[in-house]
Amino acid sequence: MTQSRLDLAFPDGHPGGEVLFIGATAAEDLSPLLLQHLTIVQGHVADHDGLAARGFRVAPSADGTFDAAIVRLPRAKEAARARLALAAAHLAPGAPLWVDGQKTDGADAILKELRALAPVTDVISKAHGKIFRLTLPPEGLPEAWQARAREVAPGFVTLPGVFSADHVDPGSRMLADHLPPKLPTRIVDLGAGWGWLSAQALARAGVTELHLVEADHAALTSARRNVTDPRARFHWADARDFTLKEPVNGVIMNPPFHAGREADPRLGAAFIATAARLLTGAGKLWMVANRHLPYEQVLAQHFGQVHEIAGDTRFKVIEASAAGKGSATTRKAGRR
């Protein structure tokens, strides 16, 4: 869908000069743009690595000055404004800023906002979205649009666009409330976000090392500010294929279950598989999930013991142990 809009916006191919593209994803066709004159800003590690594997110049942040920019709008308005402000800060004077997004991600609302600030031309509607060209005013975009950390809990800051950017997630809070007073020595927090749950685990007795694994660079940047304990280790990585040299004896997690707007329980299932792979046989997993998500069967495939230890109508907290002794292991052994 997005590719058709790029084709229409750039019928003659690359718009010329060095182009900055904020938010391009690994799977999309970027053929209207010249690889050697394109720099992509992508903060999600899977998309970042996928683009890099295709030969694109890609980084989690922008650097330098560009002759044109394209911004892909995210769903969150504050994050969209921050992307636009970032692009504007790296454009040469008079350089065009192209804005692309789905209607469901607020493209019409952003278009209306920008029309009140600067000239907008070349508005193209296609595939339930819009792409349009913005000529920046001399003063640029409002200073308030710039990405700024904000405190959402005592001692904790977030950046625009991260998960649960304006409050402590209630699922994470429930999980923290039901962690044991003493935890295993080596812990991994899969999908650590901006670090609140990791900080609660580090406040328990027993922990000597805690690995925060997070795919969103902005969230991990916030976590580095929020968790200054020397026992913390930070990994910008996809939890679904994360590995360590040595196994750990504890995993905590509040796994995501959405890919874009669509619910996808396979994400949580992949986190469960990673947890089982990281743990020793005597290690334990503590996780929280929305009540309706069908994770019990997946847990039983990877763990010999699975128990719900807390919950309400919205969430369930599960403790699992005996990694590698679930039904999947039994079936595999029986086929030999």
Protein backbone atom coordinates (compact mmCIF):
# COMPACT_ATOMS: atom_id res chain seq x y z
CA MET A 1 0.00 0.00 0.00
CA THR A 2 2.71 2.46 0.96
CA GLN A 3 4.77 1.62 -2.12
CA SER A 4 2.02 2.82 -4.44
CA ARG A 5 2.08 6.21 -2.70
CA LEU A 6 5.86 6.47 -3.05
CA ASP A 7 5.55 5.70 -6.75
CA LEU A 8 2.96 8.44 -7.17
CA ALA A 9 4.93 10.97 -5.11
CA PHE A 10 8.16 10.28 -7.02
CA PRO A 11 7.12 9.30 -10.57
CA ASP A 12 10.57 10.17 -11.89
CA GLY A 13 12.33 8.17 -9.19
CA HIS A 14 14.61 9.48 -6.46
CA PRO A 15 13.78 13.12 -5.61
CA GLY A 16 17.44 14.14 -5.78
CA GLY A 17 20.28 14.61 -3.34
CA GLU A 18 20.56 12.89 0.02
CA VAL A 19 17.23 11.73 1.40
CA LEU A 20 16.31 10.95 5.01
CA PHE A 21 13.49 8.44 5.56
CA ILE A 22 12.21 8.16 9.12
CA GLY A 23 10.19 5.02 9.81
CA ALA A 24 10.70 2.86 6.72
CA THR A 25 10.26 -0.85 7.48
CA ALA A 26 12.25 -3.88 6.42
CA ALA A 27 9.56 -5.50 4.30
CA GLU A 28 8.54 -2.60 2.08
CA ASP A 29 9.60 -1.89 -1.49
CA LEU A 30 11.73 1.26 -1.59
CA SER A 31 12.60 0.99 -5.28
CA PRO A 32 11.67 4.62 -6.16
CA LEU A 33 14.57 5.70 -3.92
CA LEU A 34 18.28 5.25 -4.57
CA LEU A 35 19.96 3.08 -1.98
CA GLN A 36 23.25 4.98 -2.16
CA HIS A 37 21.55 8.32 -1.47
CA LEU A 38 19.12 7.17 1.23
CA THR A 39 19.54 7.17 5.00
CA ILE A 40 16.86 5.46 7.08
CA VAL A 41 16.08 6.08 10.74
CA GLN A 42 14.50 3.00 12.27
CA GLY A 43 14.37 2.32 16.01
CA HIS A 44 12.82 -1.14 15.98
CA VAL A 45 15.65 -3.64 15.93
CA ALA A 46 14.00 -6.21 13.63
CA ASP A 47 13.27 -3.60 10.96
CA HIS A 48 16.67 -1.98 11.49
CA ASP A 49 18.49 -5.27 10.97
CA GLY A 50 16.27 -6.24 8.04
CA LEU A 51 17.00 -2.97 6.24
CA ALA A 52 20.71 -3.26 6.97
CA ALA A 53 20.70 -6.79 5.53
CA ARG A 54 19.24 -5.36 2.31
CA GLY A 55 22.16 -2.93 2.06
CA PHE A 56 20.48 0.25 3.28
CA ARG A 57 22.24 2.81 5.46
CA VAL A 58 20.16 2.66 8.62
CA ALA A 59 20.52 3.93 12.20
CA PRO A 60 18.30 4.41 15.25
CA SER A 61 18.87 8.19 15.14
CA ALA A 62 19.51 10.90 12.56
CA ASP A 63 22.79 12.65 11.85
CA GLY A 64 23.74 15.23 9.21
CA THR A 65 21.81 17.49 6.83
CA PHE A 66 19.60 16.24 4.01
CA ASP A 67 18.13 17.54 0.74
CA ALA A 68 14.73 15.93 1.34
CA ALA A 69 13.01 13.88 4.01
CA ILE A 70 10.16 11.39 4.18
CA VAL A 71 8.38 10.72 7.45
CA ARG A 72 6.24 7.65 7.97
CA LEU A 73 3.60 8.48 10.55
CA PRO A 74 3.27 6.20 13.59
CA ARG A 75 -0.06 5.77 15.38
CA ALA A 76 0.69 7.96 18.39
CA LYS A 77 0.27 11.67 17.66
CA GLU A 78 3.05 12.71 20.02
CA ALA A 79 5.43 10.27 18.32
CA ALA A 80 4.33 11.52 14.88
CA ARG A 81 5.07 15.11 15.86
CA ALA A 82 8.46 14.05 17.23
CA ARG A 83 9.36 12.35 13.93
CA LEU A 84 8.35 15.43 11.97
CA ALA A 85 10.40 17.68 14.26
CA LEU A 86 13.39 15.37 13.91
CA ALA A 87 13.17 15.45 10.12
CA ALA A 88 12.81 19.23 10.10
CA ALA A 89 15.92 19.61 12.26
CA HIS A 90 18.00 17.70 9.70
CA LEU A 91 16.76 19.35 6.50
CA ALA A 92 18.68 21.90 4.47
CA PRO A 93 16.92 25.31 4.14
CA GLY A 94 14.07 25.05 1.66
CA ALA A 95 14.28 21.26 1.40
CA PRO A 96 10.97 19.40 1.02
CA LEU A 97 9.47 17.27 3.78
CA TRP A 98 7.18 14.47 2.59
CA VAL A 99 4.72 12.99 5.07
CA ASP A 100 3.23 9.53 4.50
CA GLY A 101 0.72 7.62 6.59
CA GLN A 102 -2.46 5.63 6.86
CA LYS A 103 -5.74 7.29 7.73
CA THR A 104 -6.03 4.89 10.67
CA ASP A 105 -2.72 6.25 11.94
CA GLY A 106 -3.96 9.83 11.93
CA ALA A 107 -2.74 11.07 8.54
CA ASP A 108 -5.74 13.36 8.07
CA ALA A 109 -5.35 14.93 11.52
CA ILE A 110 -1.62 15.57 10.97
CA LEU A 111 -2.34 17.03 7.52
CA LYS A 112 -4.83 19.45 9.08
CA GLU A 113 -2.33 20.45 11.77
CA LEU A 114 0.47 21.02 9.29
CA ARG A 115 -1.71 23.06 6.93
CA ALA A 116 -2.17 25.53 9.76
CA LEU A 117 1.62 25.87 10.10
CA ALA A 118 3.07 25.80 6.58
CA PRO A 119 2.24 25.36 2.87
CA VAL A 120 1.18 21.82 1.94
CA THR A 121 1.14 20.65 -1.68
CA ASP A 122 1.01 17.47 -3.77
CA VAL A 123 -1.53 15.71 -1.55
CA ILE A 124 -1.98 12.17 -2.89
CA SER A 125 -4.57 9.75 -1.51
CA LYS A 126 -4.05 6.05 -2.12
CA ALA A 127 -4.63 2.75 -0.35
CA HIS A 128 -6.43 4.23 2.68
CA GLY A 129 -3.67 6.74 3.30
CA LYS A 130 -2.04 9.95 2.16
CA ILE A 131 1.35 11.27 1.17
CA PHE A 132 1.94 15.01 0.86
CA ARG A 133 4.70 17.58 0.62
CA LEU A 134 5.35 20.19 3.28
CA THR A 135 7.42 23.35 2.79
CA LEU A 136 8.82 24.21 6.19
CA PRO A 137 8.48 27.78 7.47
CA PRO A 138 11.74 29.61 8.35
CA GLU A 139 11.10 29.07 12.05
CA GLY A 140 10.59 25.34 11.54
CA LEU A 141 8.00 23.28 13.40
CA PRO A 142 6.84 24.07 16.96
CA GLU A 143 9.52 23.48 19.54
CA ALA A 144 7.00 21.58 21.65
CA TRP A 145 6.91 18.86 18.99
CA GLN A 146 10.48 17.79 19.68
CA ALA A 147 10.91 14.48 21.47
CA ARG A 148 11.42 15.16 25.14
CA ALA A 149 11.63 12.81 28.06
CA ARG A 150 8.82 13.17 30.55
CA GLU A 151 8.47 11.77 34.04
CA VAL A 152 5.56 9.32 34.28
CA ALA A 153 6.38 7.85 37.70
CA PRO A 154 8.78 9.00 40.40
CA GLY A 155 12.27 8.55 38.94
CA PHE A 156 11.05 7.16 35.61
CA VAL A 157 10.96 8.94 32.25
CA THR A 158 9.69 7.91 28.82
CA LEU A 159 10.02 9.14 25.24
CA PRO A 160 7.19 9.64 22.72
CA GLY A 161 5.91 6.49 21.04
CA VAL A 162 7.13 3.89 23.51
CA PHE A 163 4.68 1.37 24.96
CA SER A 164 2.75 2.74 27.94
CA ALA A 165 4.45 6.11 27.54
CA ASP A 166 2.23 7.96 30.02
CA HIS A 167 1.75 5.48 32.87
CA VAL A 168 3.01 2.28 34.46
CA ASP A 169 1.30 -0.59 32.63
CA PRO A 170 -1.21 -2.21 35.01
CA GLY A 171 -0.17 -5.69 33.90
CA SER A 172 3.45 -4.97 34.78
CA ARG A 173 2.33 -3.57 38.12
CA MET A 174 0.38 -6.75 38.89
CA LEU A 175 3.35 -8.91 37.96
CA ALA A 176 5.68 -6.84 40.17
CA ASP A 177 3.25 -7.17 43.07
CA HIS A 178 3.42 -10.96 42.84
CA LEU A 179 7.12 -11.55 42.35
CA PRO A 180 8.63 -13.41 45.31
CA PRO A 181 10.60 -11.38 47.88
CA LYS A 182 13.76 -13.22 46.83
CA LEU A 183 14.50 -13.79 43.15
CA PRO A 184 17.06 -15.97 41.36
CA THR A 185 20.53 -14.55 40.89
CA ARG A 186 20.55 -14.06 37.09
CA ILE A 187 17.37 -12.57 35.57
CA VAL A 188 16.29 -11.62 32.07
CA ASP A 189 13.45 -9.14 31.46
CA LEU A 190 12.16 -9.90 27.96
CA GLY A 191 10.53 -6.85 26.40
CA ALA A 192 11.77 -4.62 29.21
CA GLY A 193 10.30 -1.40 27.81
CA TRP A 194 11.39 1.68 29.75
CA GLY A 195 12.61 -0.37 32.67
CA TRP A 196 9.97 -0.09 35.39
CA LEU A 197 9.51 -3.84 35.89
CA SER A 198 13.27 -4.43 35.85
CA ALA A 199 13.69 -1.83 38.57
CA GLN A 200 11.12 -3.63 40.73
CA ALA A 201 12.99 -6.92 40.25
CA LEU A 202 16.30 -5.29 41.17
CA ALA A 203 14.70 -4.11 44.41
CA ARG A 204 14.17 -7.76 45.44
CA ALA A 205 16.79 -9.75 47.29
CA GLY A 206 19.00 -12.25 45.52
CA VAL A 207 19.54 -10.63 42.11
CA THR A 208 23.16 -10.25 41.04
CA GLU A 209 22.62 -9.61 37.32
CA LEU A 210 19.62 -8.49 35.28
CA HIS A 211 19.46 -8.30 31.48
CA LEU A 212 16.98 -5.84 29.95
CA VAL A 213 16.05 -6.97 26.43
CA GLU A 214 14.09 -4.45 24.35
CA ALA A 215 13.50 -4.09 20.60
CA ASP A 216 12.45 -0.41 20.68
CA HIS A 217 15.50 1.85 20.79
CA ALA A 218 13.58 4.76 22.33
CA ALA A 219 12.26 2.54 25.11
CA LEU A 220 15.73 1.16 25.81
CA THR A 221 17.14 4.71 25.84
CA SER A 222 14.57 5.55 28.51
CA ALA A 223 15.43 2.36 30.42
CA ARG A 224 19.11 3.34 30.51
CA ARG A 225 18.11 6.60 32.20
CA ASN A 226 15.67 4.90 34.57
CA VAL A 227 17.74 1.91 35.67
CA THR A 228 21.18 2.98 36.80
CA ASP A 229 21.85 -0.06 38.97
CA PRO A 230 25.28 -1.53 38.06
CA ARG A 231 23.72 -5.01 37.99
CA ALA A 232 21.71 -4.06 34.89
CA ARG A 233 22.78 -5.08 31.38
CA PHE A 234 21.05 -3.53 28.36
CA HIS A 235 20.40 -5.26 25.04
CA TRP A 236 18.84 -3.65 21.96
CA ALA A 237 17.56 -6.94 20.61
CA ASP A 238 14.52 -8.88 19.45
CA ALA A 239 13.35 -11.01 22.37
CA ARG A 240 12.18 -13.69 19.94
CA ASP A 241 15.74 -14.68 19.04
CA PHE A 242 17.71 -13.32 22.00
CA THR A 243 20.52 -15.52 23.33
CA LEU A 244 23.10 -15.42 26.09
CA LYS A 245 26.31 -17.41 26.42
CA GLU A 246 25.21 -18.88 29.74
CA PRO A 247 21.69 -19.87 30.87
CA VAL A 248 19.88 -17.84 33.50
CA ASN A 249 17.73 -18.98 36.40
CA GLY A 250 14.95 -16.40 36.13
CA VAL A 251 12.90 -14.66 33.42
CA ILE A 252 10.25 -11.98 33.90
CA MET A 253 8.11 -10.59 31.11
CA ASN A 254 5.00 -8.75 30.04
CA PRO A 255 5.08 -9.73 26.36
CA PRO A 256 3.43 -7.68 23.61
CA PHE A 257 0.49 -9.17 21.76
CA HIS A 258 -0.11 -6.66 18.97
CA ALA A 259 1.57 -6.32 15.57
CA GLY A 260 0.38 -2.85 14.56
CA ARG A 261 -3.36 -2.74 15.22
CA GLU A 262 -3.85 -6.49 14.93
CA ALA A 263 -3.75 -8.81 17.92
CA ASP A 264 -1.12 -11.49 17.36
CA PRO A 265 -0.70 -13.99 20.22
CA ARG A 266 2.22 -15.53 18.31
CA LEU A 267 4.40 -12.72 19.70
CA GLY A 268 3.81 -13.84 23.26
CA ALA A 269 4.25 -17.48 22.23
CA ALA A 270 7.67 -16.62 20.79
CA PHE A 271 8.63 -14.87 24.04
CA ILE A 272 7.65 -18.01 25.97
CA ALA A 273 9.83 -20.15 23.72
CA THR A 274 12.76 -17.78 24.27
CA ALA A 275 12.27 -17.86 28.03
CA ALA A 276 12.37 -21.66 28.04
CA ARG A 277 15.52 -21.62 25.93
CA LEU A 278 17.29 -19.13 28.22
CA LEU A 279 16.44 -20.87 31.50
CA THR A 280 18.18 -23.65 33.33
CA GLY A 281 16.01 -26.66 34.16
CA ALA A 282 15.67 -25.35 37.70
CA GLY A 283 14.93 -21.77 36.62
CA LYS A 284 11.57 -20.03 36.73
CA LEU A 285 9.52 -17.81 34.47
CA TRP A 286 7.13 -15.17 35.82
CA MET A 287 4.90 -13.54 33.23
CA VAL A 288 1.72 -11.49 33.00
CA ALA A 289 -0.74 -11.61 30.13
CA ASN A 290 -4.19 -10.40 29.26
CA ARG A 291 -6.79 -12.84 30.55
CA HIS A 292 -8.13 -13.77 27.09
CA LEU A 293 -4.78 -14.74 25.55
CA PRO A 294 -4.43 -18.53 25.09
CA TYR A 295 -0.88 -18.99 26.37
CA GLU A 296 -1.44 -22.01 28.62
CA GLN A 297 -1.01 -24.56 25.84
CA VAL A 298 2.20 -22.88 24.65
CA LEU A 299 3.54 -22.79 28.20
CA ALA A 300 2.74 -26.49 28.63
CA GLN A 301 4.74 -27.26 25.51
CA HIS A 302 7.88 -25.66 26.96
CA PHE A 303 7.56 -26.09 30.75
CA GLY A 304 6.84 -29.07 32.96
CA GLN A 305 5.10 -26.97 35.63
CA VAL A 306 2.71 -24.09 34.91
CA HIS A 307 0.60 -22.30 37.53
CA GLU A 308 -1.51 -19.16 37.62
CA ILE A 309 -0.50 -17.45 40.84
CA ALA A 310 -2.59 -14.27 40.60
CA GLY A 311 -5.07 -12.50 38.38
CA ASP A 312 -8.31 -10.65 37.88
CA THR A 313 -10.76 -10.19 35.01
CA ARG A 314 -8.14 -8.38 32.92
CA PHE A 315 -4.82 -10.09 33.65
CA LYS A 316 -3.27 -13.36 34.78
CA VAL A 317 0.13 -13.84 36.40
CA ILE A 318 1.76 -17.17 35.61
CA GLU A 319 4.73 -18.96 37.12
CA ALA A 320 6.38 -21.68 35.04
CA SER A 321 9.30 -23.98 35.80
CA ALA A 322 11.01 -27.15 34.56
CA ALA A 323 11.98 -25.58 31.23
CA GLY A 324 12.50 -28.15 28.49
CA LYS A 325 10.23 -30.71 30.13
CA GLY A 326 6.96 -29.72 28.49
CA SER A 327 4.77 -31.67 26.10
CA ALA A 328 6.74 -30.58 23.03
CA THR A 329 9.88 -32.13 24.51
CA THR A 330 8.00 -35.33 25.32
CA ARG A 331 6.65 -35.63 21.76
CA LYS A 332 10.10 -35.02 20.30
CA ALA A 333 11.66 -37.68 22.51
CA GLY A 334 8.95 -40.17 21.54
CA ARG A 335 9.77 -39.84 17.85
CA ARG A 336 13.37 -40.91 18.27
